[in-house]
Structure formats: structure tokens, C-alpha cells
Amino acid sequence: MANTPSAAKRARQSGQRALVNRRITTSVKNHLKAVRSALIKGDKTEAQAAALACESTLDKAVKTGNVHRNKANRHKSALTLALAAKQ
């Protein structure tokens, strides 16, 4: 338990931020899975739509600091190459 009111507030804020960060990270992972599954199925239009949504989610995660910029760029590059290979 926190000994001071400010420590108690920081503990509350930390818990709330952890939930938000987990939600953002889960969203990124789910979008990546959606693109990969669409590529495996061979559905180009679905894969392209999923890739656009995934790139947007990655950019938002970078903006909030949940994903490193280079990691997001690696994912976006790999998705772009995978989409190009399917066409």
C-alpha cells in the first residue's frame, strides 16, 4: 500500500495506464494477425484493407510510445512486401 496520498494517486494512474497500454498493444497484435490471415487465405482486397488499418494502428501506437518507431516500420515494410508478393 502507498504511504502518502501522492503515492496512492500514482499507483491508481499506473494501473489505469497499464490497461490503456495493454489495449493498444493487443490492438496492434490483432491487426497484424488479421493481415497475415487474409494473406494466407489469398484474399487480396481483404488483405489490403487490413493492412491499411494495421498501418494506422501501428502509427497511433508509435505516437503514444507503445511501439518503437523502427519496429513499426519493420512491420509495415514486411506487410507491404507480402502484399506485393501476392499480386
N, C-alpha and C. Protein backbone atom coordinates (compact mmCIF):
# COMPACT_ATOMS: atom_id res chain seq x y z
N MET A 1 0.84 -1.19 0.00
CA MET A 1 0.00 0.00 0.00
C MET A 1 0.87 1.24 0.00
N ALA A 2 0.33 2.28 -0.60
CA ALA A 2 1.03 3.55 -0.64
C ALA A 2 0.94 4.24 0.72
N ASN A 3 2.01 4.90 1.09
CA ASN A 3 2.05 5.56 2.40
C ASN A 3 1.59 7.01 2.35
N THR A 4 1.62 7.61 1.19
CA THR A 4 1.24 9.02 1.07
C THR A 4 0.13 9.15 0.03
N PRO A 5 -0.62 10.24 0.10
CA PRO A 5 -1.67 10.44 -0.91
C PRO A 5 -1.12 10.52 -2.33
N SER A 6 0.02 11.13 -2.49
CA SER A 6 0.58 11.24 -3.85
C SER A 6 1.01 9.88 -4.37
N ALA A 7 1.53 9.03 -3.50
CA ALA A 7 1.91 7.68 -3.92
C ALA A 7 0.68 6.86 -4.28
N ALA A 8 -0.40 7.06 -3.55
CA ALA A 8 -1.65 6.36 -3.86
C ALA A 8 -2.18 6.80 -5.23
N LYS A 9 -2.09 8.09 -5.50
CA LYS A 9 -2.54 8.60 -6.80
C LYS A 9 -1.69 8.02 -7.92
N ARG A 10 -0.39 7.98 -7.72
CA ARG A 10 0.50 7.43 -8.76
C ARG A 10 0.19 5.95 -8.99
N ALA A 11 -0.14 5.22 -7.94
CA ALA A 11 -0.49 3.82 -8.09
C ALA A 11 -1.78 3.67 -8.90
N ARG A 12 -2.76 4.53 -8.66
CA ARG A 12 -4.00 4.50 -9.44
C ARG A 12 -3.72 4.82 -10.91
N GLN A 13 -2.93 5.86 -11.13
CA GLN A 13 -2.63 6.26 -12.50
C GLN A 13 -1.85 5.17 -13.24
N SER A 14 -0.94 4.54 -12.54
CA SER A 14 -0.14 3.49 -13.15
C SER A 14 -1.02 2.33 -13.59
N GLY A 15 -1.97 1.96 -12.75
CA GLY A 15 -2.89 0.88 -13.11
C GLY A 15 -3.75 1.23 -14.29
N GLN A 16 -4.23 2.46 -14.36
CA GLN A 16 -5.06 2.90 -15.47
C GLN A 16 -4.25 2.93 -16.77
N ARG A 17 -3.01 3.43 -16.70
CA ARG A 17 -2.17 3.49 -17.90
C ARG A 17 -1.81 2.09 -18.39
N ALA A 18 -1.62 1.17 -17.45
CA ALA A 18 -1.29 -0.20 -17.84
C ALA A 18 -2.42 -0.81 -18.66
N LEU A 19 -3.67 -0.54 -18.27
CA LEU A 19 -4.81 -1.05 -19.02
C LEU A 19 -4.86 -0.46 -20.43
N VAL A 20 -4.62 0.85 -20.53
CA VAL A 20 -4.63 1.50 -21.84
C VAL A 20 -3.52 0.96 -22.72
N ASN A 21 -2.32 0.82 -22.14
CA ASN A 21 -1.19 0.31 -22.91
C ASN A 21 -1.43 -1.12 -23.38
N ARG A 22 -2.03 -1.94 -22.54
CA ARG A 22 -2.33 -3.32 -22.91
C ARG A 22 -3.35 -3.34 -24.04
N ARG A 23 -4.34 -2.46 -23.99
CA ARG A 23 -5.35 -2.41 -25.04
C ARG A 23 -4.73 -2.03 -26.38
N ILE A 24 -3.83 -1.06 -26.37
CA ILE A 24 -3.18 -0.62 -27.61
C ILE A 24 -2.29 -1.73 -28.17
N THR A 25 -1.52 -2.38 -27.31
CA THR A 25 -0.63 -3.46 -27.76
C THR A 25 -1.44 -4.63 -28.32
N THR A 26 -2.53 -4.96 -27.68
CA THR A 26 -3.40 -6.04 -28.15
C THR A 26 -4.00 -5.69 -29.50
N SER A 27 -4.38 -4.44 -29.66
CA SER A 27 -4.96 -3.99 -30.93
C SER A 27 -3.95 -4.14 -32.07
N VAL A 28 -2.71 -3.77 -31.81
CA VAL A 28 -1.67 -3.90 -32.83
C VAL A 28 -1.50 -5.37 -33.21
N LYS A 29 -1.41 -6.23 -32.21
CA LYS A 29 -1.23 -7.66 -32.48
C LYS A 29 -2.40 -8.23 -33.27
N ASN A 30 -3.63 -7.83 -32.91
CA ASN A 30 -4.80 -8.35 -33.60
C ASN A 30 -4.85 -7.89 -35.06
N HIS A 31 -4.44 -6.63 -35.31
CA HIS A 31 -4.42 -6.15 -36.69
C HIS A 31 -3.37 -6.90 -37.51
N LEU A 32 -2.22 -7.16 -36.92
CA LEU A 32 -1.18 -7.92 -37.63
C LEU A 32 -1.69 -9.33 -37.96
N LYS A 33 -2.37 -9.96 -37.01
CA LYS A 33 -2.92 -11.29 -37.25
C LYS A 33 -3.96 -11.26 -38.37
N ALA A 34 -4.77 -10.20 -38.41
CA ALA A 34 -5.80 -10.10 -39.45
C ALA A 34 -5.18 -10.01 -40.83
N VAL A 35 -4.10 -9.24 -40.96
CA VAL A 35 -3.44 -9.11 -42.25
C VAL A 35 -2.82 -10.45 -42.66
N ARG A 36 -2.15 -11.09 -41.71
CA ARG A 36 -1.50 -12.37 -42.03
C ARG A 36 -2.52 -13.44 -42.42
N SER A 37 -3.64 -13.49 -41.72
CA SER A 37 -4.65 -14.49 -42.05
C SER A 37 -5.28 -14.20 -43.41
N ALA A 38 -5.47 -12.93 -43.74
CA ALA A 38 -6.01 -12.58 -45.06
C ALA A 38 -5.02 -12.96 -46.16
N LEU A 39 -3.74 -12.79 -45.89
CA LEU A 39 -2.73 -13.18 -46.88
C LEU A 39 -2.71 -14.69 -47.06
N ILE A 40 -2.86 -15.43 -45.97
CA ILE A 40 -2.87 -16.89 -46.07
C ILE A 40 -4.08 -17.37 -46.86
N LYS A 41 -5.24 -16.73 -46.63
CA LYS A 41 -6.45 -17.10 -47.37
C LYS A 41 -6.34 -16.73 -48.85
N GLY A 42 -5.50 -15.75 -49.14
CA GLY A 42 -5.33 -15.33 -50.52
C GLY A 42 -6.30 -14.24 -50.96
N ASP A 43 -6.98 -13.63 -50.03
CA ASP A 43 -7.94 -12.57 -50.34
C ASP A 43 -7.20 -11.23 -50.39
N LYS A 44 -6.93 -10.75 -51.62
CA LYS A 44 -6.12 -9.54 -51.77
C LYS A 44 -6.81 -8.29 -51.27
N THR A 45 -8.10 -8.15 -51.56
CA THR A 45 -8.79 -6.93 -51.15
C THR A 45 -8.91 -6.86 -49.64
N GLU A 46 -9.21 -7.99 -49.03
CA GLU A 46 -9.30 -8.02 -47.56
C GLU A 46 -7.93 -7.75 -46.93
N ALA A 47 -6.89 -8.30 -47.55
CA ALA A 47 -5.54 -8.10 -47.03
C ALA A 47 -5.13 -6.63 -47.14
N GLN A 48 -5.48 -5.99 -48.25
CA GLN A 48 -5.13 -4.59 -48.41
C GLN A 48 -5.87 -3.71 -47.41
N ALA A 49 -7.14 -3.99 -47.20
CA ALA A 49 -7.91 -3.21 -46.23
C ALA A 49 -7.37 -3.43 -44.82
N ALA A 50 -7.04 -4.67 -44.50
CA ALA A 50 -6.48 -4.97 -43.18
C ALA A 50 -5.12 -4.33 -43.00
N ALA A 51 -4.33 -4.28 -44.08
CA ALA A 51 -3.01 -3.66 -44.00
C ALA A 51 -3.12 -2.16 -43.74
N LEU A 52 -4.08 -1.50 -44.38
CA LEU A 52 -4.28 -0.08 -44.13
C LEU A 52 -4.65 0.18 -42.67
N ALA A 53 -5.55 -0.64 -42.15
CA ALA A 53 -5.96 -0.50 -40.75
C ALA A 53 -4.79 -0.79 -39.82
N CYS A 54 -3.99 -1.77 -40.18
CA CYS A 54 -2.84 -2.14 -39.36
C CYS A 54 -1.81 -1.02 -39.33
N GLU A 55 -1.54 -0.42 -40.48
CA GLU A 55 -0.58 0.68 -40.53
C GLU A 55 -1.05 1.86 -39.69
N SER A 56 -2.34 2.14 -39.74
CA SER A 56 -2.88 3.23 -38.94
C SER A 56 -2.72 2.93 -37.46
N THR A 57 -3.03 1.70 -37.06
CA THR A 57 -2.90 1.30 -35.66
C THR A 57 -1.45 1.37 -35.21
N LEU A 58 -0.53 0.92 -36.07
CA LEU A 58 0.89 0.99 -35.73
C LEU A 58 1.35 2.44 -35.54
N ASP A 59 0.91 3.32 -36.44
CA ASP A 59 1.31 4.72 -36.33
C ASP A 59 0.78 5.35 -35.05
N LYS A 60 -0.45 5.00 -34.68
CA LYS A 60 -1.00 5.53 -33.43
C LYS A 60 -0.25 4.98 -32.22
N ALA A 61 0.15 3.72 -32.28
CA ALA A 61 0.91 3.12 -31.18
C ALA A 61 2.28 3.77 -31.05
N VAL A 62 2.87 4.14 -32.18
CA VAL A 62 4.17 4.83 -32.15
C VAL A 62 3.99 6.21 -31.53
N LYS A 63 2.91 6.87 -31.91
CA LYS A 63 2.67 8.23 -31.42
C LYS A 63 2.53 8.26 -29.90
N THR A 64 1.92 7.22 -29.34
CA THR A 64 1.74 7.17 -27.90
C THR A 64 2.91 6.52 -27.18
N GLY A 65 3.87 6.00 -27.93
CA GLY A 65 5.06 5.42 -27.32
C GLY A 65 4.92 3.96 -26.93
N ASN A 66 3.88 3.30 -27.41
CA ASN A 66 3.69 1.89 -27.07
C ASN A 66 4.53 0.96 -27.94
N VAL A 67 4.85 1.40 -29.14
CA VAL A 67 5.67 0.62 -30.06
C VAL A 67 6.79 1.53 -30.55
N HIS A 68 8.00 0.97 -30.65
CA HIS A 68 9.12 1.76 -31.15
C HIS A 68 8.94 2.04 -32.64
N ARG A 69 9.39 3.20 -33.06
CA ARG A 69 9.22 3.64 -34.44
C ARG A 69 9.83 2.64 -35.43
N ASN A 70 11.02 2.14 -35.14
CA ASN A 70 11.67 1.21 -36.07
C ASN A 70 10.93 -0.12 -36.15
N LYS A 71 10.39 -0.57 -35.05
CA LYS A 71 9.62 -1.82 -35.07
C LYS A 71 8.38 -1.67 -35.93
N ALA A 72 7.70 -0.55 -35.79
CA ALA A 72 6.51 -0.30 -36.61
C ALA A 72 6.89 -0.24 -38.08
N ASN A 73 7.99 0.41 -38.39
CA ASN A 73 8.43 0.49 -39.78
C ASN A 73 8.79 -0.88 -40.34
N ARG A 74 9.39 -1.74 -39.52
CA ARG A 74 9.70 -3.11 -39.95
C ARG A 74 8.42 -3.87 -40.28
N HIS A 75 7.41 -3.75 -39.41
CA HIS A 75 6.15 -4.43 -39.65
C HIS A 75 5.50 -3.91 -40.93
N LYS A 76 5.46 -2.60 -41.11
CA LYS A 76 4.83 -2.02 -42.29
C LYS A 76 5.56 -2.46 -43.56
N SER A 77 6.87 -2.50 -43.51
CA SER A 77 7.65 -2.92 -44.66
C SER A 77 7.38 -4.37 -45.00
N ALA A 78 7.35 -5.22 -43.99
CA ALA A 78 7.11 -6.65 -44.22
C ALA A 78 5.71 -6.87 -44.79
N LEU A 79 4.73 -6.13 -44.30
CA LEU A 79 3.37 -6.28 -44.82
C LEU A 79 3.28 -5.82 -46.27
N THR A 80 3.95 -4.72 -46.57
CA THR A 80 3.95 -4.21 -47.94
C THR A 80 4.59 -5.20 -48.90
N LEU A 81 5.71 -5.79 -48.48
CA LEU A 81 6.37 -6.79 -49.33
C LEU A 81 5.50 -8.03 -49.50
N ALA A 82 4.83 -8.45 -48.44
CA ALA A 82 3.97 -9.61 -48.53
C ALA A 82 2.78 -9.35 -49.46
N LEU A 83 2.22 -8.15 -49.38
CA LEU A 83 1.11 -7.80 -50.28
C LEU A 83 1.57 -7.76 -51.73
N ALA A 84 2.75 -7.21 -51.96
CA ALA A 84 3.29 -7.12 -53.32
C ALA A 84 3.56 -8.51 -53.88
N ALA A 85 4.00 -9.43 -53.03
CA ALA A 85 4.30 -10.78 -53.50
C ALA A 85 3.03 -11.53 -53.88
N LYS A 86 1.90 -11.20 -53.26
CA LYS A 86 0.64 -11.86 -53.56
C LYS A 86 0.03 -11.38 -54.87
N GLN A 87 0.43 -10.23 -55.36
CA GLN A 87 -0.19 -9.66 -56.57
C GLN A 87 0.48 -10.06 -57.81
